[in-house]
Protein backbone atom coordinates (compact mmCIF):
# COMPACT_ATOMS: atom_id res chain seq x y z
CA MET A 1 49.50 -95.14 -64.29
CA LYS A 2 47.51 -97.42 -66.61
CA LEU A 3 46.40 -94.26 -68.56
CA SER A 4 50.25 -93.53 -68.51
CA PHE A 5 50.95 -96.57 -70.03
CA THR A 6 47.96 -96.84 -72.84
CA ARG A 7 49.06 -93.45 -74.33
CA ARG A 8 53.13 -94.33 -74.40
CA LEU A 9 51.85 -97.77 -76.46
CA ARG A 10 49.86 -95.99 -78.66
CA HIS A 11 52.59 -93.34 -79.79
CA LEU A 12 54.88 -96.68 -80.47
CA PHE A 13 52.14 -98.02 -82.60
CA VAL A 14 51.64 -94.96 -84.18
CA GLY A 15 55.25 -93.90 -84.59
CA VAL A 16 56.10 -97.39 -85.95
CA LEU A 17 53.10 -97.39 -88.44
CA MET A 18 54.53 -93.75 -89.42
CA ALA A 19 58.41 -95.33 -90.59
CA THR A 20 56.69 -98.36 -91.77
CA SER A 21 54.72 -96.16 -94.37
CA ALA A 22 57.15 -93.80 -94.85
CA SER A 23 59.58 -96.51 -95.82
CA PHE A 24 57.16 -98.44 -98.19
CA SER A 25 56.71 -94.73 -99.77
CA VAL A 26 60.24 -93.87 -100.49
CA SER A 27 60.73 -97.93 -101.92
CA ALA A 28 57.76 -97.12 -104.07
CA GLN A 29 59.72 -93.79 -105.42
CA SER A 30 62.86 -95.47 -105.75
CA THR A 31 61.30 -98.41 -107.72
CA LYS A 32 59.37 -95.99 -110.05
CA PHE A 33 62.28 -93.63 -110.51
CA ASN A 34 64.94 -96.63 -111.35
CA GLY A 35 65.43 -100.25 -113.11
CA LEU A 36 65.60 -100.64 -116.64
CA GLY A 37 61.74 -99.52 -117.39
CA THR A 38 62.42 -95.74 -116.09
CA LEU A 39 64.55 -95.20 -119.34
CA LEU A 40 63.10 -93.91 -122.45
CA THR A 41 62.93 -95.61 -125.68
CA PRO A 42 61.49 -94.70 -129.55
CA ASP A 43 58.54 -96.44 -128.50
CA ASN A 44 57.16 -95.44 -125.34
CA CYS A 45 57.63 -91.82 -124.93
CA VAL A 46 55.86 -88.90 -126.77
CA LEU A 47 57.24 -85.32 -127.09
CA ILE A 48 55.27 -81.87 -126.28
CA LEU A 49 57.24 -79.00 -127.03
CA ILE A 50 55.46 -76.11 -125.48
CA ASP A 51 55.42 -72.41 -126.68
CA HIS A 52 58.76 -71.85 -128.48
CA GLN A 53 57.98 -68.24 -129.71
CA PRO A 54 59.40 -64.81 -130.52
CA PHE A 55 57.34 -63.15 -127.50
CA GLN A 56 58.62 -65.89 -124.64
CA PHE A 57 62.20 -66.30 -126.59
CA ALA A 58 62.90 -62.55 -125.95
CA THR A 59 62.01 -62.12 -122.08
CA LEU A 60 63.88 -65.46 -121.32
CA GLY A 61 66.55 -64.49 -118.64
CA SER A 62 67.35 -68.15 -117.26
CA ALA A 63 69.63 -69.07 -120.77
CA PRO A 64 70.91 -67.37 -123.32
CA SER A 65 68.39 -67.97 -126.22
CA GLN A 66 70.34 -69.24 -128.76
CA THR A 67 71.19 -71.84 -126.67
CA VAL A 68 67.96 -73.06 -126.09
CA LEU A 69 66.80 -72.41 -129.51
CA ASN A 70 69.84 -75.09 -130.77
CA ASN A 71 68.65 -77.05 -128.10
CA VAL A 72 64.94 -77.37 -128.61
CA ILE A 73 65.88 -77.90 -132.29
CA GLY A 74 68.33 -80.33 -131.88
CA LEU A 75 65.91 -82.45 -129.61
CA GLY A 76 63.32 -81.94 -132.40
CA LYS A 77 65.03 -83.63 -135.17
CA THR A 78 66.28 -85.75 -132.63
CA ALA A 79 62.90 -87.07 -132.22
CA LYS A 80 62.20 -87.27 -136.04
CA VAL A 81 64.95 -89.69 -136.40
CA PHE A 82 63.65 -91.87 -133.69
CA LYS A 83 59.97 -91.65 -135.16
CA VAL A 84 58.84 -90.21 -131.32
CA PRO A 85 55.22 -88.87 -131.48
CA THR A 86 55.70 -85.07 -131.44
CA LEU A 87 53.14 -82.24 -130.62
CA LEU A 88 53.69 -78.70 -131.12
CA THR A 89 51.78 -75.89 -129.66
CA SER A 90 51.78 -72.53 -128.61
CA VAL A 91 49.98 -70.04 -126.55
CA VAL A 92 47.97 -66.83 -127.90
CA GLU A 93 50.15 -66.81 -131.67
CA ASP A 94 48.79 -63.85 -132.78
CA ARG A 95 50.54 -61.73 -130.34
CA GLY A 96 52.93 -63.68 -129.13
CA GLY A 97 54.38 -64.51 -132.60
CA TYR A 98 54.56 -68.37 -134.55
CA ILE A 99 56.71 -71.46 -133.45
CA VAL A 100 59.99 -70.68 -134.23
CA LYS A 101 60.59 -71.81 -138.29
CA GLY A 102 63.40 -73.94 -137.01
CA LEU A 103 60.55 -76.51 -135.29
CA THR A 104 58.12 -76.41 -138.06
CA ASP A 105 60.15 -77.04 -140.54
CA ILE A 106 60.82 -80.56 -138.77
CA TRP A 107 57.13 -81.39 -138.98
CA PRO A 108 55.82 -79.27 -142.01
CA GLU A 109 52.64 -81.42 -142.34
CA GLN A 110 51.89 -80.76 -138.69
CA THR A 111 49.55 -77.59 -137.57
CA PRO A 112 50.39 -76.34 -134.17
CA ILE A 113 47.91 -76.05 -131.64
CA ASN A 114 47.05 -72.31 -131.02
CA ARG A 115 45.57 -72.19 -127.29
CA THR A 116 44.62 -69.34 -124.94
CA TYR A 117 44.91 -71.72 -122.14
CA ILE A 118 48.26 -71.18 -120.43
CA ASN A 119 48.49 -74.56 -118.82
CA ALA A 120 48.49 -76.56 -121.55
CA TRP A 121 47.29 -79.57 -120.53
CA GLU A 122 43.93 -77.92 -119.72
CA ASP A 123 43.31 -77.89 -123.36
CA LYS A 124 41.27 -80.99 -124.50
CA ARG A 125 43.27 -81.08 -127.74
CA VAL A 126 46.70 -81.73 -126.40
CA VAL A 127 45.54 -84.31 -123.68
CA ASP A 128 43.33 -86.15 -126.28
CA TRP A 129 46.29 -86.39 -128.67
CA VAL A 130 48.69 -87.85 -125.80
CA LYS A 131 45.73 -90.55 -125.10
CA LYS A 132 45.30 -91.08 -128.54
CA THR A 133 49.07 -92.16 -129.30
CA GLY A 134 48.37 -94.41 -125.85
CA LYS A 135 51.93 -93.73 -124.10
CA LYS A 136 52.35 -93.22 -120.48
CA LYS A 137 55.64 -91.23 -120.53
CA ILE A 138 55.52 -87.69 -122.09
CA VAL A 139 58.50 -85.46 -122.87
CA MET A 140 58.24 -81.89 -122.22
CA ALA A 141 60.20 -78.79 -123.19
CA GLY A 142 58.91 -75.06 -122.80
CA LEU A 143 58.85 -71.71 -122.47
CA TRP A 144 58.60 -70.82 -119.73
CA THR A 145 59.68 -73.35 -117.52
CA GLU A 146 58.14 -71.98 -114.76
CA VAL A 147 54.61 -71.38 -115.97
CA CYS A 148 54.31 -73.34 -119.44
CA ILE A 149 56.14 -76.65 -118.34
CA ALA A 150 55.45 -76.35 -114.27
CA MET A 151 52.25 -76.38 -114.53
CA PRO A 152 50.88 -79.38 -117.46
CA ALA A 153 54.07 -81.33 -116.30
CA LEU A 154 52.42 -81.42 -112.31
CA GLN A 155 48.97 -81.88 -113.55
CA ALA A 156 50.00 -84.81 -116.22
CA VAL A 157 51.73 -86.31 -113.23
CA GLY A 158 49.05 -86.20 -111.25
CA GLU A 159 46.77 -88.07 -113.58
CA GLY A 160 48.59 -90.83 -113.73
CA TYR A 161 51.42 -89.96 -116.41
CA GLU A 162 55.30 -90.34 -116.28
CA VAL A 163 56.67 -86.95 -117.11
CA TYR A 164 60.39 -86.17 -118.15
CA VAL A 165 61.55 -82.43 -118.98
CA VAL A 166 64.17 -81.34 -120.87
CA THR A 167 65.73 -78.66 -119.08
CA ASP A 168 68.01 -77.23 -121.24
CA ALA A 169 65.67 -76.99 -124.17
CA SER A 170 63.22 -74.84 -121.59
CA ALA A 171 64.15 -71.66 -119.82
CA GLY A 172 62.26 -69.41 -117.65
CA VAL A 173 62.16 -65.40 -117.31
CA SER A 174 65.03 -65.72 -114.18
CA PRO A 175 67.73 -68.22 -113.22
CA GLU A 176 65.80 -68.29 -109.85
CA ALA A 177 62.21 -69.06 -111.82
CA HIS A 178 63.95 -71.93 -113.92
CA GLU A 179 65.28 -73.65 -111.00
CA MET A 180 62.46 -72.91 -108.35
CA ALA A 181 60.12 -74.56 -111.00
CA ILE A 182 62.39 -77.61 -112.14
CA GLN A 183 63.02 -78.10 -107.85
CA ARG A 184 58.93 -78.02 -107.66
CA MET A 185 58.65 -80.17 -110.07
CA ILE A 186 60.90 -82.80 -108.96
CA MET A 187 58.68 -82.36 -105.40
CA GLY A 188 55.64 -83.00 -107.72
CA GLY A 189 57.40 -86.50 -109.35
CA VAL A 190 58.54 -85.03 -112.57
CA VAL A 191 62.06 -86.17 -113.81
CA PRO A 192 64.70 -83.98 -115.18
CA ILE A 193 66.57 -85.04 -118.28
CA THR A 194 68.50 -82.89 -121.25
CA PHE A 195 68.67 -82.87 -124.62
CA ASN A 196 71.73 -85.40 -124.86
CA VAL A 197 70.55 -87.51 -122.24
CA PHE A 198 67.27 -87.89 -124.37
CA GLN A 199 69.20 -88.87 -127.33
CA ALA A 200 71.08 -91.42 -125.45
CA GLU A 201 67.96 -93.05 -123.76
CA LEU A 202 66.80 -93.34 -127.49
CA GLN A 203 69.76 -94.73 -129.11
CA ARG A 204 70.84 -96.77 -126.54
CA ASP A 205 73.49 -98.94 -128.19
CA TRP A 206 75.68 -97.14 -130.95
CA ALA A 207 75.12 -101.23 -132.61
CA ARG A 208 72.20 -99.51 -133.96
CA THR A 209 73.45 -98.31 -137.18
CA GLU A 210 70.47 -97.30 -138.78
CA THR A 211 69.62 -94.44 -136.67
CA VAL A 212 73.93 -93.48 -136.10
CA GLY A 213 74.06 -92.25 -139.39
CA GLN A 214 71.28 -89.76 -138.72
CA LEU A 215 72.12 -88.81 -135.24
CA VAL A 216 75.67 -87.70 -136.22
CA PRO A 217 74.61 -84.69 -138.38
CA ILE A 218 71.94 -83.60 -135.38
CA MET A 219 75.54 -83.95 -133.11
CA ILE A 220 77.84 -81.51 -135.16
CA GLU A 221 75.25 -79.12 -135.75
CA HIS A 222 73.81 -79.21 -132.04
CA MET A 223 75.92 -79.96 -129.56
CA GLY A 224 78.94 -78.26 -129.41
CA ASP A 225 82.10 -79.39 -128.53
CA ILE A 226 80.89 -82.92 -129.10
CA GLY A 227 80.14 -82.24 -132.24
CA THR A 228 83.69 -80.55 -132.69
CA SER A 229 85.39 -83.16 -131.62
CA LEU A 230 83.34 -85.64 -133.71
CA SER A 231 84.23 -83.66 -136.32
CA TRP A 232 87.95 -84.03 -135.70
CA GLU A 233 87.65 -87.62 -135.18
CA PHE A 234 86.01 -87.89 -138.52
CA GLN A 235 88.98 -85.61 -139.90
CA LEU A 236 91.92 -87.67 -138.50
CA SER A 237 89.80 -91.29 -139.64
CA ASN A 238 90.10 -90.10 -143.66
CA ALA A 239 93.38 -88.73 -143.29
CA ALA A 240 94.77 -92.29 -142.10
CA GLN A 241 92.60 -93.56 -144.91
CA GLN A 242 93.83 -91.38 -147.43
CA LYS A 243 97.87 -92.64 -146.25
CA LYS A 244 96.92 -96.29 -146.79
């Protein structure tokens, strides 16, 4: 009887300990992914664009290549407006092709890091570049989501960085590959965002007129119906001004 009571007491203690630990873990995770500090700013992040090359574009199955191309170029232009440090990297470019011209034209002074590592985070040049910036938030986009994004994103999180993946500027070989990669990364602590979220978090306040004017052409060229509606708004505004 005494042994049974001791055993029950021990099980109760272990249960309470596990519940408390789980509660603390959930609370810690909740704090990490909430609050003002979790949002991106021009000063707290870097952008790494991985393997937007012809071979990868030709093999996409999770989204139309043209849509991904449009989004990643818009993403790059946005980063340039806000002066976010940005790194271009390719894998075996002599076979897979150079990074698309729409991206290299944004940073003509930059020579992309050409790797043999599938996982960009295993290339010391990439890691050293991030460390040199001193930033702890890394925004990534690339092809394919399930390989060339999931690998570095999960490793970087494990090494203490906060990683955000721009899912609509990334794509995989199939819808399932892309979605499973996103789910896996979320389980590992990666934060999924989209191109327009990146833009909105950096702008944060439409009263910041020094960047609004530079964002308007990007919105018109790369944000579909938002750009079309914005152009229409300008049309109506100009017409009203002309009637005065």
